[in-house]
Amino acid sequence: MGLFSSIFSFPLAPVRGVIWVGEVIQDQVEQQLNDPAALRRELEEIDRAAEAGRLSDEERKQAQQSVLDRMTGSVDSATANDRKE
């Protein structure tokens, strides 16, 4: 039975390979998005942009909340704001 299943599943090997590569890429992206050092740099950049006048107070709060939501794994603020309206 193993021989027959191997023969019939062989054409699906490229699909399995693509799925595996996609999963590896997704894991790497999630690790980078949730890296504490990267999140801290992003918060610092938001503060610098606000100090330089490129962000209003409201934009700064929204950007900071978005980063904090990613840190805690909460629902992102854009989705939460859509639900409030």
PDB file of N, CA and C in Angstrom:
ATOM      1  N   MET A   1       0.821  -1.191   0.000  1.00  0.00           N
ATOM      2  CA  MET A   1       0.000   0.000   0.000  1.00  0.00           C
ATOM      3  C   MET A   1       0.863   1.253   0.000  1.00  0.00           C
ATOM      4  N   GLY A   2       2.005   1.233   0.659  1.00  0.00           N
ATOM      5  CA  GLY A   2       2.881   2.386   0.711  1.00  0.00           C
ATOM      6  C   GLY A   2       3.395   2.778  -0.654  1.00  0.00           C
ATOM      7  N   LEU A   3       3.655   1.797  -1.507  1.00  0.00           N
ATOM      8  CA  LEU A   3       4.143   2.068  -2.852  1.00  0.00           C
ATOM      9  C   LEU A   3       3.102   2.807  -3.672  1.00  0.00           C
ATOM     10  N   PHE A   4       1.842   2.353  -3.578  1.00  0.00           N
ATOM     11  CA  PHE A   4       0.782   3.014  -4.339  1.00  0.00           C
ATOM     12  C   PHE A   4       0.531   4.434  -3.840  1.00  0.00           C
ATOM     13  N   SER A   5       0.532   4.609  -2.549  1.00  0.00           N
ATOM     14  CA  SER A   5       0.296   5.966  -2.034  1.00  0.00           C
ATOM     15  C   SER A   5       1.457   6.889  -2.411  1.00  0.00           C
ATOM     16  N   SER A   6       2.677   6.351  -2.453  1.00  0.00           N
ATOM     17  CA  SER A   6       3.823   7.152  -2.864  1.00  0.00           C
ATOM     18  C   SER A   6       3.704   7.560  -4.321  1.00  0.00           C
ATOM     19  N   ILE A   7       3.296   6.648  -5.159  1.00  0.00           N
ATOM     20  CA  ILE A   7       3.157   6.931  -6.592  1.00  0.00           C
ATOM     21  C   ILE A   7       2.076   7.985  -6.833  1.00  0.00           C
ATOM     22  N   PHE A   8       0.954   7.832  -6.149  1.00  0.00           N
ATOM     23  CA  PHE A   8      -0.151   8.761  -6.381  1.00  0.00           C
ATOM     24  C   PHE A   8       0.062  10.116  -5.698  1.00  0.00           C
ATOM     25  N   SER A   9       0.844  10.146  -4.632  1.00  0.00           N
ATOM     26  CA  SER A   9       1.068  11.425  -3.952  1.00  0.00           C
ATOM     27  C   SER A   9       2.288  12.163  -4.493  1.00  0.00           C
ATOM     28  N   PHE A  10       3.092  11.518  -5.322  1.00  0.00           N
ATOM     29  CA  PHE A  10       4.285  12.150  -5.873  1.00  0.00           C
ATOM     30  C   PHE A  10       3.985  13.435  -6.641  1.00  0.00           C
ATOM     31  N   PRO A  11       2.923  13.479  -7.451  1.00  0.00           N
ATOM     32  CA  PRO A  11       2.631  14.736  -8.165  1.00  0.00           C
ATOM     33  C   PRO A  11       2.310  15.905  -7.227  1.00  0.00           C
ATOM     34  N   LEU A  12       1.944  15.625  -5.993  1.00  0.00           N
ATOM     35  CA  LEU A  12       1.626  16.687  -5.041  1.00  0.00           C
ATOM     36  C   LEU A  12       2.862  17.199  -4.305  1.00  0.00           C
ATOM     37  N   ALA A  13       4.005  16.604  -4.511  1.00  0.00           N
ATOM     38  CA  ALA A  13       5.224  17.007  -3.808  1.00  0.00           C
ATOM     39  C   ALA A  13       5.569  18.483  -4.027  1.00  0.00           C
ATOM     40  N   PRO A  14       5.470  19.021  -5.248  1.00  0.00           N
ATOM     41  CA  PRO A  14       5.771  20.451  -5.416  1.00  0.00           C
ATOM     42  C   PRO A  14       4.816  21.344  -4.622  1.00  0.00           C
ATOM     43  N   VAL A  15       3.566  20.946  -4.547  1.00  0.00           N
ATOM     44  CA  VAL A  15       2.584  21.726  -3.793  1.00  0.00           C
ATOM     45  C   VAL A  15       2.954  21.708  -2.310  1.00  0.00           C
ATOM     46  N   ARG A  16       3.320  20.561  -1.798  1.00  0.00           N
ATOM     47  CA  ARG A  16       3.739  20.458  -0.395  1.00  0.00           C
ATOM     48  C   ARG A  16       4.975  21.321  -0.144  1.00  0.00           C
ATOM     49  N   GLY A  17       5.884  21.346  -1.102  1.00  0.00           N
ATOM     50  CA  GLY A  17       7.079  22.174  -0.967  1.00  0.00           C
ATOM     51  C   GLY A  17       6.748  23.648  -0.905  1.00  0.00           C
ATOM     52  N   VAL A  18       5.831  24.087  -1.748  1.00  0.00           N
ATOM     53  CA  VAL A  18       5.421  25.493  -1.756  1.00  0.00           C
ATOM     54  C   VAL A  18       4.729  25.850  -0.437  1.00  0.00           C
ATOM     55  N   ILE A  19       3.896  24.961   0.049  1.00  0.00           N
ATOM     56  CA  ILE A  19       3.216  25.195   1.326  1.00  0.00           C
ATOM     57  C   ILE A  19       4.236  25.300   2.452  1.00  0.00           C
ATOM     58  N   TRP A  20       5.221  24.430   2.461  1.00  0.00           N
ATOM     59  CA  TRP A  20       6.252  24.456   3.494  1.00  0.00           C
ATOM     60  C   TRP A  20       7.035  25.774   3.443  1.00  0.00           C
ATOM     61  N   VAL A  21       7.411  26.199   2.244  1.00  0.00           N
ATOM     62  CA  VAL A  21       8.145  27.463   2.103  1.00  0.00           C
ATOM     63  C   VAL A  21       7.280  28.621   2.597  1.00  0.00           C
ATOM     64  N   GLY A  22       6.004  28.605   2.278  1.00  0.00           N
ATOM     65  CA  GLY A  22       5.092  29.651   2.749  1.00  0.00           C
ATOM     66  C   GLY A  22       5.005  29.691   4.265  1.00  0.00           C
ATOM     67  N   GLU A  23       4.966  28.520   4.884  1.00  0.00           N
ATOM     68  CA  GLU A  23       4.918  28.458   6.345  1.00  0.00           C
ATOM     69  C   GLU A  23       6.204  28.991   6.969  1.00  0.00           C
ATOM     70  N   VAL A  24       7.343  28.676   6.364  1.00  0.00           N
ATOM     71  CA  VAL A  24       8.624  29.176   6.869  1.00  0.00           C
ATOM     72  C   VAL A  24       8.677  30.696   6.758  1.00  0.00           C
ATOM     73  N   ILE A  25       8.231  31.231   5.626  1.00  0.00           N
ATOM     74  CA  ILE A  25       8.217  32.683   5.430  1.00  0.00           C
ATOM     75  C   ILE A  25       7.280  33.340   6.444  1.00  0.00           C
ATOM     76  N   GLN A  26       6.110  32.758   6.654  1.00  0.00           N
ATOM     77  CA  GLN A  26       5.162  33.308   7.617  1.00  0.00           C
ATOM     78  C   GLN A  26       5.756  33.324   9.025  1.00  0.00           C
ATOM     79  N   ASP A  27       6.435  32.270   9.419  1.00  0.00           N
ATOM     80  CA  ASP A  27       7.076  32.228  10.733  1.00  0.00           C
ATOM     81  C   ASP A  27       8.122  33.325  10.881  1.00  0.00           C
ATOM     82  N   GLN A  28       8.925  33.535   9.841  1.00  0.00           N
ATOM     83  CA  GLN A  28       9.960  34.571   9.893  1.00  0.00           C
ATOM     84  C   GLN A  28       9.346  35.970   9.993  1.00  0.00           C
ATOM     85  N   VAL A  29       8.303  36.213   9.235  1.00  0.00           N
ATOM     86  CA  VAL A  29       7.642  37.519   9.271  1.00  0.00           C
ATOM     87  C   VAL A  29       7.047  37.764  10.654  1.00  0.00           C
ATOM     88  N   GLU A  30       6.403  36.764  11.234  1.00  0.00           N
ATOM     89  CA  GLU A  30       5.823  36.923  12.562  1.00  0.00           C
ATOM     90  C   GLU A  30       6.902  37.184  13.610  1.00  0.00           C
ATOM     91  N   GLN A  31       8.030  36.512  13.490  1.00  0.00           N
ATOM     92  CA  GLN A  31       9.124  36.748  14.431  1.00  0.00           C
ATOM     93  C   GLN A  31       9.651  38.173  14.315  1.00  0.00           C
ATOM     94  N   GLN A  32       9.787  38.664  13.090  1.00  0.00           N
ATOM     95  CA  GLN A  32      10.296  40.023  12.898  1.00  0.00           C
ATOM     96  C   GLN A  32       9.288  41.069  13.360  1.00  0.00           C
ATOM     97  N   LEU A  33       8.001  40.822  13.122  1.00  0.00           N
ATOM     98  CA  LEU A  33       6.983  41.773  13.540  1.00  0.00           C
ATOM     99  C   LEU A  33       6.867  41.850  15.055  1.00  0.00           C
ATOM    100  N   ASN A  34       7.144  40.758  15.732  1.00  0.00           N
ATOM    101  CA  ASN A  34       6.993  40.709  17.176  1.00  0.00           C
ATOM    102  C   ASN A  34       8.313  40.803  17.919  1.00  0.00           C
ATOM    103  N   ASP A  35       9.384  41.142  17.233  1.00  0.00           N
ATOM    104  CA  ASP A  35      10.685  41.293  17.864  1.00  0.00           C
ATOM    105  C   ASP A  35      10.659  42.527  18.763  1.00  0.00           C
ATOM    106  N   PRO A  36      10.953  42.364  20.059  1.00  0.00           N
ATOM    107  CA  PRO A  36      10.899  43.512  20.975  1.00  0.00           C
ATOM    108  C   PRO A  36      11.792  44.672  20.552  1.00  0.00           C
ATOM    109  N   ALA A  37      12.961  44.394  20.028  1.00  0.00           N
ATOM    110  CA  ALA A  37      13.864  45.464  19.597  1.00  0.00           C
ATOM    111  C   ALA A  37      13.262  46.229  18.422  1.00  0.00           C
ATOM    112  N   ALA A  38      12.646  45.532  17.497  1.00  0.00           N
ATOM    113  CA  ALA A  38      12.034  46.190  16.340  1.00  0.00           C
ATOM    114  C   ALA A  38      10.831  47.030  16.772  1.00  0.00           C
ATOM    115  N   LEU A  39      10.050  46.512  17.711  1.00  0.00           N
ATOM    116  CA  LEU A  39       8.904  47.268  18.207  1.00  0.00           C
ATOM    117  C   LEU A  39       9.356  48.533  18.936  1.00  0.00           C
ATOM    118  N   ARG A  40      10.434  48.411  19.710  1.00  0.00           N
ATOM    119  CA  ARG A  40      10.950  49.585  20.415  1.00  0.00           C
ATOM    120  C   ARG A  40      11.451  50.639  19.427  1.00  0.00           C
ATOM    121  N   ARG A  41      12.177  50.181  18.374  1.00  0.00           N
ATOM    122  CA  ARG A  41      12.647  51.120  17.348  1.00  0.00           C
ATOM    123  C   ARG A  41      11.471  51.821  16.673  1.00  0.00           C
ATOM    124  N   GLU A  42      10.409  51.073  16.435  1.00  0.00           N
ATOM    125  CA  GLU A  42       9.237  51.662  15.792  1.00  0.00           C
ATOM    126  C   GLU A  42       8.593  52.722  16.698  1.00  0.00           C
ATOM    127  N   LEU A  43       8.509  52.432  18.002  1.00  0.00           N
ATOM    128  CA  LEU A  43       7.968  53.417  18.942  1.00  0.00           C
ATOM    129  C   LEU A  43       8.847  54.665  18.997  1.00  0.00           C
ATOM    130  N   GLU A  44      10.168  54.468  18.978  1.00  0.00           N
ATOM    131  CA  GLU A  44      11.082  55.607  18.982  1.00  0.00           C
ATOM    132  C   GLU A  44      10.944  56.436  17.719  1.00  0.00           C
ATOM    133  N   GLU A  45      10.754  55.775  16.580  1.00  0.00           N
ATOM    134  CA  GLU A  45      10.578  56.500  15.317  1.00  0.00           C
ATOM    135  C   GLU A  45       9.275  57.302  15.334  1.00  0.00           C
ATOM    136  N   ILE A  46       8.246  56.747  15.939  1.00  0.00           N
ATOM    137  CA  ILE A  46       6.979  57.478  16.062  1.00  0.00           C
ATOM    138  C   ILE A  46       7.185  58.726  16.902  1.00  0.00           C
ATOM    139  N   ASP A  47       7.911  58.600  18.008  1.00  0.00           N
ATOM    140  CA  ASP A  47       8.186  59.756  18.857  1.00  0.00           C
ATOM    141  C   ASP A  47       8.997  60.815  18.116  1.00  0.00           C
ATOM    142  N   ARG A  48      10.005  60.379  17.364  1.00  0.00           N
ATOM    143  CA  ARG A  48      10.812  61.338  16.599  1.00  0.00           C
ATOM    144  C   ARG A  48       9.964  62.057  15.550  1.00  0.00           C
ATOM    145  N   ALA A  49       9.083  61.316  14.884  1.00  0.00           N
ATOM    146  CA  ALA A  49       8.235  61.928  13.861  1.00  0.00           C
ATOM    147  C   ALA A  49       7.280  62.932  14.492  1.00  0.00           C
ATOM    148  N   ALA A  50       6.776  62.621  15.669  1.00  0.00           N
ATOM    149  CA  ALA A  50       5.868  63.550  16.355  1.00  0.00           C
ATOM    150  C   ALA A  50       6.619  64.799  16.798  1.00  0.00           C
ATOM    151  N   GLU A  51       7.832  64.622  17.291  1.00  0.00           N
ATOM    152  CA  GLU A  51       8.636  65.773  17.713  1.00  0.00           C
ATOM    153  C   GLU A  51       9.007  66.660  16.533  1.00  0.00           C
ATOM    154  N   ALA A  52       9.200  66.051  15.370  1.00  0.00           N
ATOM    155  CA  ALA A  52       9.556  66.811  14.170  1.00  0.00           C
ATOM    156  C   ALA A  52       8.329  67.462  13.525  1.00  0.00           C
ATOM    157  N   GLY A  53       7.140  67.133  14.040  1.00  0.00           N
ATOM    158  CA  GLY A  53       5.922  67.730  13.505  1.00  0.00           C
ATOM    159  C   GLY A  53       5.330  66.991  12.329  1.00  0.00           C
ATOM    160  N   ARG A  54       5.825  65.800  12.054  1.00  0.00           N
ATOM    161  CA  ARG A  54       5.290  65.035  10.924  1.00  0.00           C
ATOM    162  C   ARG A  54       4.030  64.261  11.295  1.00  0.00           C
ATOM    163  N   LEU A  55       3.756  64.134  12.616  1.00  0.00           N
ATOM    164  CA  LEU A  55       2.556  63.446  13.091  1.00  0.00           C
ATOM    165  C   LEU A  55       1.812  64.346  14.062  1.00  0.00           C
ATOM    166  N   SER A  56       0.501  64.337  13.953  1.00  0.00           N
ATOM    167  CA  SER A  56      -0.306  65.050  14.940  1.00  0.00           C
ATOM    168  C   SER A  56      -0.378  64.199  16.206  1.00  0.00           C
ATOM    169  N   ASP A  57      -0.916  64.785  17.268  1.00  0.00           N
ATOM    170  CA  ASP A  57      -1.046  64.024  18.515  1.00  0.00           C
ATOM    171  C   ASP A  57      -1.935  62.800  18.327  1.00  0.00           C
ATOM    172  N   GLU A  58      -3.004  62.972  17.568  1.00  0.00           N
ATOM    173  CA  GLU A  58      -3.923  61.847  17.334  1.00  0.00           C
ATOM    174  C   GLU A  58      -3.247  60.746  16.510  1.00  0.00           C
ATOM    175  N   GLU A  59      -2.518  61.128  15.472  1.00  0.00           N
ATOM    176  CA  GLU A  59      -1.798  60.138  14.658  1.00  0.00           C
ATOM    177  C   GLU A  59      -0.753  59.413  15.489  1.00  0.00           C
ATOM    178  N   ARG A  60      -0.088  60.157  16.360  1.00  0.00           N
ATOM    179  CA  ARG A  60       0.931  59.556  17.224  1.00  0.00           C
ATOM    180  C   ARG A  60       0.296  58.529  18.150  1.00  0.00           C
ATOM    181  N   LYS A  61      -0.827  58.886  18.760  1.00  0.00           N
ATOM    182  CA  LYS A  61      -1.508  57.958  19.666  1.00  0.00           C
ATOM    183  C   LYS A  61      -1.963  56.703  18.925  1.00  0.00           C
ATOM    184  N   GLN A  62      -2.494  56.879  17.721  1.00  0.00           N
ATOM    185  CA  GLN A  62      -2.952  55.731  16.941  1.00  0.00           C
ATOM    186  C   GLN A  62      -1.790  54.824  16.559  1.00  0.00           C
ATOM    187  N   ALA A  63      -0.669  55.412  16.144  1.00  0.00           N
ATOM    188  CA  ALA A  63       0.494  54.622  15.756  1.00  0.00           C
ATOM    189  C   ALA A  63       1.065  53.874  16.957  1.00  0.00           C
ATOM    190  N   GLN A  64       1.152  54.554  18.095  1.00  0.00           N
ATOM    191  CA  GLN A  64       1.646  53.896  19.298  1.00  0.00           C
ATOM    192  C   GLN A  64       0.713  52.775  19.728  1.00  0.00           C
ATOM    193  N   GLN A  65      -0.584  53.009  19.649  1.00  0.00           N
ATOM    194  CA  GLN A  65      -1.540  51.976  20.040  1.00  0.00           C
ATOM    195  C   GLN A  65      -1.439  50.762  19.121  1.00  0.00           C
ATOM    196  N   SER A  66      -1.206  51.004  17.844  1.00  0.00           N
ATOM    197  CA  SER A  66      -1.046  49.908  16.895  1.00  0.00           C
ATOM    198  C   SER A  66       0.157  49.042  17.257  1.00  0.00           C
ATOM    199  N   VAL A  67       1.263  49.687  17.608  1.00  0.00           N
ATOM    200  CA  VAL A  67       2.462  48.939  18.004  1.00  0.00           C
ATOM    201  C   VAL A  67       2.215  48.197  19.311  1.00  0.00           C
ATOM    202  N   LEU A  68       1.580  48.855  20.258  1.00  0.00           N
ATOM    203  CA  LEU A  68       1.292  48.211  21.547  1.00  0.00           C
ATOM    204  C   LEU A  68       0.341  47.031  21.371  1.00  0.00           C
ATOM    205  N   ASP A  69      -0.614  47.156  20.471  1.00  0.00           N
ATOM    206  CA  ASP A  69      -1.523  46.045  20.193  1.00  0.00           C
ATOM    207  C   ASP A  69      -0.766  44.845  19.631  1.00  0.00           C
ATOM    208  N   ARG A  70       0.201  45.119  18.758  1.00  0.00           N
ATOM    209  CA  ARG A  70       1.011  44.020  18.221  1.00  0.00           C
ATOM    210  C   ARG A  70       1.836  43.377  19.323  1.00  0.00           C
ATOM    211  N   MET A  71       2.330  44.190  20.268  1.00  0.00           N
ATOM    212  CA  MET A  71       3.141  43.659  21.363  1.00  0.00           C
ATOM    213  C   MET A  71       2.317  42.736  22.254  1.00  0.00           C
ATOM    214  N   THR A  72       1.075  43.121  22.510  1.00  0.00           N
ATOM    215  CA  THR A  72       0.240  42.350  23.426  1.00  0.00           C
ATOM    216  C   THR A  72      -0.602  41.299  22.717  1.00  0.00           C
ATOM    217  N   GLY A  73      -0.623  41.353  21.395  1.00  0.00           N
ATOM    218  CA  GLY A  73      -1.418  40.391  20.645  1.00  0.00           C
ATOM    219  C   GLY A  73      -2.889  40.750  20.628  1.00  0.00           C
ATOM    220  N   SER A  74      -3.211  41.990  20.955  1.00  0.00           N
ATOM    221  CA  SER A  74      -4.596  42.451  20.973  1.00  0.00           C
ATOM    222  C   SER A  74      -5.071  42.713  19.553  1.00  0.00           C
ATOM    223  N   VAL A  75      -6.367  42.954  19.437  1.00  0.00           N
ATOM    224  CA  VAL A  75      -6.945  43.342  18.154  1.00  0.00           C
ATOM    225  C   VAL A  75      -6.364  44.686  17.789  1.00  0.00           C
ATOM    226  N   ASP A  76      -6.009  44.873  16.511  1.00  0.00           N
ATOM    227  CA  ASP A  76      -5.400  46.152  16.135  1.00  0.00           C
ATOM    228  C   ASP A  76      -6.407  47.283  16.283  1.00  0.00           C
ATOM    229  N   SER A  77      -5.887  48.472  16.510  1.00  0.00           N
ATOM    230  CA  SER A  77      -6.728  49.621  16.825  1.00  0.00           C
ATOM    231  C   SER A  77      -7.647  50.002  15.673  1.00  0.00           C
ATOM    232  N   ALA A  78      -7.221  49.790  14.446  1.00  0.00           N
ATOM    233  CA  ALA A  78      -8.076  50.128  13.298  1.00  0.00           C
ATOM    234  C   ALA A  78      -9.341  49.275  13.326  1.00  0.00           C
ATOM    235  N   THR A  79      -9.215  48.000  13.609  1.00  0.00           N
ATOM    236  CA  THR A  79     -10.371  47.123  13.684  1.00  0.00           C
ATOM    237  C   THR A  79     -11.248  47.505  14.866  1.00  0.00           C
ATOM    238  N   ALA A  80     -10.628  47.835  15.993  1.00  0.00           N
ATOM    239  CA  ALA A  80     -11.381  48.233  17.176  1.00  0.00           C
ATOM    240  C   ALA A  80     -12.128  49.525  16.919  1.00  0.00           C
ATOM    241  N   ASN A  81     -11.521  50.481  16.220  1.00  0.00           N
ATOM    242  CA  ASN A  81     -12.188  51.742  15.912  1.00  0.00           C
ATOM    243  C   ASN A  81     -13.345  51.517  14.955  1.00  0.00           C
ATOM    244  N   ASP A  82     -13.205  50.588  14.003  1.00  0.00           N
ATOM    245  CA  ASP A  82     -14.285  50.286  13.074  1.00  0.00           C
ATOM    246  C   ASP A  82     -15.482  49.713  13.817  1.00  0.00           C
ATOM    247  N   ARG A  83     -15.249  48.930  14.834  1.00  0.00           N
ATOM    248  CA  ARG A  83     -16.331  48.332  15.609  1.00  0.00           C
ATOM    249  C   ARG A  83     -17.073  49.366  16.437  1.00  0.00           C
ATOM    250  N   LYS A  84     -16.366  50.415  16.883  1.00  0.00           N
ATOM    251  CA  LYS A  84     -16.984  51.442  17.712  1.00  0.00           C
ATOM    252  C   LYS A  84     -17.960  52.287  16.908  1.00  0.00           C
ATOM    253  N   GLU A  85     -17.691  52.462  15.638  1.00  0.00           N
ATOM    254  CA  GLU A  85     -18.508  53.362  14.810  1.00  0.00           C
ATOM    255  C   GLU A  85     -19.795  52.740  14.378  1.00  0.00           C
TER     256      GLU A  85
END
